[in-house]
Amino acid sequence: MHFLWGILSILVFIFFFGKLLSVALPPKIIITQPQTKELKIESDQYLIRGYVKRTYLLKINGQLFPFDEKGNFEKEVDLHKDLNFFNIEAESRFGKKNSLELKILKSD
């Protein structure tokens, strides 16, 4: 009987520790395309892809942007000549934030 209580206690601890981590940790942003934070291309448009974890709100250049239930997102962006900056910011439901910046250089 003590063995079962021990197992149950461990499971409850693991559950609450996981919940505590989700409150304490900031959101995570993973960019899958491009695979580097700086890119040089000749095209007028580019598709940015990635996913987020522990995220409630996602913004790209200050505008709210949707993501699916698994955290996946993609956005086709228009590029102007020279250097283009894209600030991607994620916020958790507990107000924790994380951001990263992509630089895409459009050349002729």
N, C-alpha and C. Protein backbone atom coordinates (compact mmCIF):
# COMPACT_ATOMS: atom_id res chain seq x y z
N MET A 1 0.83 -1.21 0.00
CA MET A 1 0.00 0.00 0.00
C MET A 1 0.86 1.26 0.00
N HIS A 2 1.94 1.24 0.78
CA HIS A 2 2.84 2.38 0.82
C HIS A 2 3.49 2.61 -0.54
N PHE A 3 3.73 1.50 -1.24
CA PHE A 3 4.32 1.58 -2.57
C PHE A 3 3.40 2.35 -3.53
N LEU A 4 2.10 2.05 -3.47
CA LEU A 4 1.14 2.76 -4.34
C LEU A 4 1.08 4.24 -4.02
N TRP A 5 1.10 4.58 -2.74
CA TRP A 5 1.10 5.99 -2.35
C TRP A 5 2.37 6.69 -2.83
N GLY A 6 3.48 5.99 -2.79
CA GLY A 6 4.74 6.55 -3.28
C GLY A 6 4.68 6.84 -4.77
N ILE A 7 4.17 5.87 -5.53
CA ILE A 7 4.02 6.06 -6.98
C ILE A 7 3.07 7.21 -7.27
N LEU A 8 1.95 7.26 -6.59
CA LEU A 8 0.97 8.33 -6.77
C LEU A 8 1.58 9.69 -6.44
N SER A 9 2.35 9.75 -5.37
CA SER A 9 3.00 11.01 -4.98
C SER A 9 3.98 11.48 -6.05
N ILE A 10 4.73 10.55 -6.62
CA ILE A 10 5.68 10.90 -7.67
C ILE A 10 4.94 11.43 -8.91
N LEU A 11 3.86 10.77 -9.29
CA LEU A 11 3.08 11.21 -10.45
C LEU A 11 2.49 12.60 -10.23
N VAL A 12 1.97 12.86 -9.04
CA VAL A 12 1.41 14.18 -8.73
C VAL A 12 2.51 15.23 -8.78
N PHE A 13 3.69 14.90 -8.23
CA PHE A 13 4.81 15.83 -8.27
C PHE A 13 5.21 16.16 -9.71
N ILE A 14 5.32 15.16 -10.54
CA ILE A 14 5.69 15.36 -11.95
C ILE A 14 4.66 16.25 -12.65
N PHE A 15 3.38 16.00 -12.40
CA PHE A 15 2.31 16.79 -13.01
C PHE A 15 2.45 18.26 -12.62
N PHE A 16 2.58 18.55 -11.32
CA PHE A 16 2.66 19.93 -10.86
C PHE A 16 3.97 20.59 -11.26
N PHE A 17 5.05 19.83 -11.33
CA PHE A 17 6.32 20.38 -11.78
C PHE A 17 6.21 20.81 -13.25
N GLY A 18 5.55 20.00 -14.07
CA GLY A 18 5.32 20.36 -15.47
C GLY A 18 4.49 21.63 -15.60
N LYS A 19 3.46 21.75 -14.79
CA LYS A 19 2.63 22.96 -14.80
C LYS A 19 3.44 24.18 -14.37
N LEU A 20 4.29 24.01 -13.35
CA LEU A 20 5.12 25.11 -12.88
C LEU A 20 6.09 25.56 -13.97
N LEU A 21 6.68 24.62 -14.70
CA LEU A 21 7.58 24.97 -15.79
C LEU A 21 6.86 25.75 -16.88
N SER A 22 5.63 25.38 -17.18
CA SER A 22 4.89 26.09 -18.23
C SER A 22 4.61 27.53 -17.83
N VAL A 23 4.53 27.81 -16.53
CA VAL A 23 4.33 29.18 -16.04
C VAL A 23 5.66 29.93 -16.03
N ALA A 24 6.73 29.25 -15.65
CA ALA A 24 8.02 29.91 -15.45
C ALA A 24 8.80 30.14 -16.74
N LEU A 25 8.67 29.25 -17.71
CA LEU A 25 9.47 29.35 -18.92
C LEU A 25 8.84 30.29 -19.95
N PRO A 26 9.66 31.04 -20.67
CA PRO A 26 9.12 31.89 -21.74
C PRO A 26 8.73 31.04 -22.94
N PRO A 27 7.97 31.61 -23.87
CA PRO A 27 7.62 30.89 -25.09
C PRO A 27 8.87 30.55 -25.89
N LYS A 28 8.74 29.58 -26.75
CA LYS A 28 9.84 29.18 -27.60
C LYS A 28 9.43 29.40 -29.05
N ILE A 29 10.32 30.01 -29.84
CA ILE A 29 10.09 30.25 -31.26
C ILE A 29 11.14 29.48 -32.05
N ILE A 30 10.68 28.64 -32.95
CA ILE A 30 11.58 27.87 -33.80
C ILE A 30 11.26 28.22 -35.25
N ILE A 31 12.22 28.75 -35.96
CA ILE A 31 12.05 29.08 -37.38
C ILE A 31 12.63 27.92 -38.19
N THR A 32 11.81 27.32 -39.04
CA THR A 32 12.28 26.20 -39.86
C THR A 32 12.65 26.64 -41.27
N GLN A 33 12.13 27.78 -41.69
CA GLN A 33 12.48 28.35 -42.99
C GLN A 33 12.45 29.85 -42.88
N PRO A 34 13.53 30.55 -43.05
CA PRO A 34 14.86 30.10 -43.43
C PRO A 34 15.56 29.41 -42.26
N GLN A 35 16.59 28.67 -42.56
CA GLN A 35 17.30 27.95 -41.53
C GLN A 35 18.38 28.79 -40.86
N THR A 36 18.59 30.00 -41.36
CA THR A 36 19.51 30.95 -40.73
C THR A 36 18.73 32.24 -40.46
N LYS A 37 19.25 33.07 -39.58
CA LYS A 37 18.57 34.32 -39.25
C LYS A 37 18.88 35.44 -40.24
N GLU A 38 19.81 35.17 -41.14
CA GLU A 38 20.13 36.14 -42.19
C GLU A 38 20.17 35.40 -43.52
N LEU A 39 19.55 36.01 -44.53
CA LEU A 39 19.39 35.34 -45.82
C LEU A 39 19.50 36.36 -46.94
N LYS A 40 20.06 35.94 -48.06
CA LYS A 40 20.14 36.80 -49.25
C LYS A 40 19.44 36.08 -50.40
N ILE A 41 18.43 36.74 -51.00
CA ILE A 41 17.68 36.14 -52.10
C ILE A 41 17.40 37.20 -53.17
N GLU A 42 16.89 36.73 -54.31
CA GLU A 42 16.54 37.64 -55.41
C GLU A 42 15.04 37.76 -55.60
N SER A 43 14.27 36.94 -54.94
CA SER A 43 12.81 36.91 -55.12
C SER A 43 12.13 38.12 -54.47
N ASP A 44 10.92 38.44 -54.95
CA ASP A 44 10.12 39.53 -54.37
C ASP A 44 9.33 39.09 -53.15
N GLN A 45 9.20 37.78 -52.95
CA GLN A 45 8.45 37.25 -51.81
C GLN A 45 9.23 36.09 -51.20
N TYR A 46 8.92 35.83 -49.92
CA TYR A 46 9.57 34.71 -49.24
C TYR A 46 8.59 34.13 -48.21
N LEU A 47 8.61 32.82 -48.06
CA LEU A 47 7.72 32.14 -47.10
C LEU A 47 8.50 31.83 -45.83
N ILE A 48 8.09 32.48 -44.73
CA ILE A 48 8.69 32.22 -43.42
C ILE A 48 7.84 31.15 -42.74
N ARG A 49 8.49 30.09 -42.24
CA ARG A 49 7.79 29.00 -41.57
C ARG A 49 8.43 28.72 -40.22
N GLY A 50 7.60 28.24 -39.31
CA GLY A 50 8.14 27.86 -38.00
C GLY A 50 7.05 27.35 -37.10
N TYR A 51 7.41 27.22 -35.83
CA TYR A 51 6.42 26.83 -34.83
C TYR A 51 6.79 27.43 -33.48
N VAL A 52 5.80 27.50 -32.63
CA VAL A 52 5.98 28.07 -31.29
C VAL A 52 5.50 27.06 -30.25
N LYS A 53 6.06 27.20 -29.05
CA LYS A 53 5.64 26.39 -27.90
C LYS A 53 5.36 27.33 -26.74
N ARG A 54 4.44 26.91 -25.88
CA ARG A 54 4.05 27.70 -24.69
C ARG A 54 3.66 29.12 -25.09
N THR A 55 2.92 29.26 -26.19
CA THR A 55 2.59 30.57 -26.76
C THR A 55 1.09 30.80 -26.79
N TYR A 56 0.71 32.01 -26.39
CA TYR A 56 -0.68 32.44 -26.42
C TYR A 56 -0.90 33.43 -27.58
N LEU A 57 0.06 34.34 -27.77
CA LEU A 57 -0.01 35.34 -28.85
C LEU A 57 1.27 35.31 -29.67
N LEU A 58 1.12 35.45 -30.97
CA LEU A 58 2.26 35.52 -31.87
C LEU A 58 2.12 36.79 -32.71
N LYS A 59 3.21 37.55 -32.78
CA LYS A 59 3.21 38.77 -33.60
C LYS A 59 4.39 38.73 -34.55
N ILE A 60 4.13 39.17 -35.78
CA ILE A 60 5.20 39.35 -36.76
C ILE A 60 5.17 40.81 -37.16
N ASN A 61 6.26 41.50 -36.90
CA ASN A 61 6.37 42.96 -37.10
C ASN A 61 5.21 43.70 -36.43
N GLY A 62 4.88 43.29 -35.22
CA GLY A 62 3.87 43.98 -34.42
C GLY A 62 2.43 43.61 -34.71
N GLN A 63 2.18 42.77 -35.70
CA GLN A 63 0.82 42.40 -36.06
C GLN A 63 0.52 40.98 -35.57
N LEU A 64 -0.63 40.81 -34.95
CA LEU A 64 -1.02 39.47 -34.49
C LEU A 64 -1.06 38.51 -35.66
N PHE A 65 -0.58 37.30 -35.42
CA PHE A 65 -0.52 36.32 -36.48
C PHE A 65 -0.98 34.97 -35.95
N PRO A 66 -1.85 34.27 -36.68
CA PRO A 66 -2.39 33.00 -36.19
C PRO A 66 -1.39 31.84 -36.32
N PHE A 67 -1.58 30.86 -35.45
CA PHE A 67 -0.83 29.61 -35.54
C PHE A 67 -1.81 28.48 -35.21
N ASP A 68 -1.52 27.27 -35.69
CA ASP A 68 -2.47 26.18 -35.48
C ASP A 68 -2.31 25.55 -34.09
N GLU A 69 -3.12 24.52 -33.81
CA GLU A 69 -3.14 23.90 -32.48
C GLU A 69 -1.82 23.25 -32.11
N LYS A 70 -0.97 22.96 -33.09
CA LYS A 70 0.35 22.39 -32.82
C LYS A 70 1.43 23.48 -32.73
N GLY A 71 1.03 24.73 -32.96
CA GLY A 71 1.97 25.85 -32.89
C GLY A 71 2.60 26.22 -34.21
N ASN A 72 2.22 25.55 -35.30
CA ASN A 72 2.81 25.83 -36.62
C ASN A 72 2.28 27.14 -37.20
N PHE A 73 3.16 27.86 -37.87
CA PHE A 73 2.74 29.06 -38.58
C PHE A 73 3.56 29.20 -39.86
N GLU A 74 3.01 29.94 -40.79
CA GLU A 74 3.74 30.31 -42.00
C GLU A 74 3.19 31.62 -42.52
N LYS A 75 4.09 32.44 -43.06
CA LYS A 75 3.68 33.75 -43.57
C LYS A 75 4.52 34.07 -44.80
N GLU A 76 3.82 34.35 -45.89
CA GLU A 76 4.50 34.81 -47.09
C GLU A 76 4.66 36.32 -46.98
N VAL A 77 5.89 36.78 -47.09
CA VAL A 77 6.17 38.20 -46.91
C VAL A 77 6.65 38.81 -48.22
N ASP A 78 6.24 40.05 -48.42
CA ASP A 78 6.73 40.81 -49.57
C ASP A 78 8.05 41.46 -49.19
N LEU A 79 8.99 41.43 -50.12
CA LEU A 79 10.31 41.99 -49.86
C LEU A 79 10.55 43.22 -50.70
N HIS A 80 11.10 44.24 -50.09
CA HIS A 80 11.54 45.41 -50.86
C HIS A 80 13.05 45.30 -51.07
N LYS A 81 13.56 46.07 -52.00
CA LYS A 81 14.99 46.01 -52.32
C LYS A 81 15.81 46.36 -51.08
N ASP A 82 16.93 45.71 -50.94
CA ASP A 82 17.87 45.86 -49.84
C ASP A 82 17.44 45.02 -48.63
N LEU A 83 17.67 45.53 -47.43
CA LEU A 83 17.50 44.73 -46.22
C LEU A 83 16.08 44.81 -45.67
N ASN A 84 15.48 43.65 -45.38
CA ASN A 84 14.14 43.54 -44.80
C ASN A 84 14.27 42.91 -43.41
N PHE A 85 13.64 43.53 -42.41
CA PHE A 85 13.68 43.04 -41.04
C PHE A 85 12.32 42.45 -40.66
N PHE A 86 12.33 41.31 -39.99
CA PHE A 86 11.10 40.69 -39.50
C PHE A 86 11.30 40.34 -38.04
N ASN A 87 10.54 41.02 -37.18
CA ASN A 87 10.58 40.76 -35.74
C ASN A 87 9.45 39.80 -35.40
N ILE A 88 9.80 38.65 -34.87
CA ILE A 88 8.81 37.64 -34.50
C ILE A 88 8.79 37.56 -32.98
N GLU A 89 7.62 37.81 -32.40
CA GLU A 89 7.49 37.86 -30.94
C GLU A 89 6.38 36.93 -30.48
N ALA A 90 6.69 36.13 -29.47
CA ALA A 90 5.71 35.23 -28.87
C ALA A 90 5.51 35.62 -27.42
N GLU A 91 4.26 35.49 -26.95
CA GLU A 91 3.93 35.79 -25.56
C GLU A 91 3.11 34.66 -24.98
N SER A 92 3.46 34.26 -23.76
CA SER A 92 2.70 33.21 -23.08
C SER A 92 1.47 33.81 -22.44
N ARG A 93 0.56 32.97 -22.00
CA ARG A 93 -0.64 33.49 -21.33
C ARG A 93 -0.30 34.07 -19.97
N PHE A 94 0.94 33.89 -19.50
CA PHE A 94 1.37 34.43 -18.22
C PHE A 94 2.23 35.68 -18.39
N GLY A 95 2.29 36.21 -19.63
CA GLY A 95 2.99 37.46 -19.90
C GLY A 95 4.47 37.33 -20.19
N LYS A 96 5.01 36.13 -20.22
CA LYS A 96 6.42 35.93 -20.57
C LYS A 96 6.56 36.12 -22.08
N LYS A 97 7.66 36.76 -22.50
CA LYS A 97 7.86 37.05 -23.92
C LYS A 97 9.21 36.52 -24.41
N ASN A 98 9.25 36.27 -25.70
CA ASN A 98 10.47 35.88 -26.37
C ASN A 98 10.37 36.43 -27.80
N SER A 99 11.49 36.82 -28.37
CA SER A 99 11.45 37.33 -29.74
C SER A 99 12.75 37.00 -30.46
N LEU A 100 12.67 37.07 -31.77
CA LEU A 100 13.86 36.94 -32.60
C LEU A 100 13.66 37.77 -33.84
N GLU A 101 14.77 38.07 -34.50
CA GLU A 101 14.70 38.91 -35.69
C GLU A 101 15.32 38.17 -36.87
N LEU A 102 14.61 38.21 -37.99
CA LEU A 102 15.12 37.69 -39.26
C LEU A 102 15.52 38.86 -40.14
N LYS A 103 16.60 38.67 -40.87
CA LYS A 103 17.04 39.68 -41.85
C LYS A 103 17.11 38.99 -43.20
N ILE A 104 16.37 39.55 -44.16
CA ILE A 104 16.38 39.00 -45.51
C ILE A 104 16.82 40.13 -46.46
N LEU A 105 17.92 39.90 -47.14
CA LEU A 105 18.43 40.86 -48.09
C LEU A 105 17.96 40.49 -49.48
N LYS A 106 17.18 41.41 -50.09
CA LYS A 106 16.72 41.19 -51.46
C LYS A 106 17.69 41.90 -52.39
N SER A 107 18.30 41.12 -53.26
CA SER A 107 19.23 41.70 -54.22
C SER A 107 18.68 41.55 -55.63
N ASP A 108 19.24 42.29 -56.52
CA ASP A 108 18.80 42.20 -57.94
C ASP A 108 19.56 41.15 -58.68
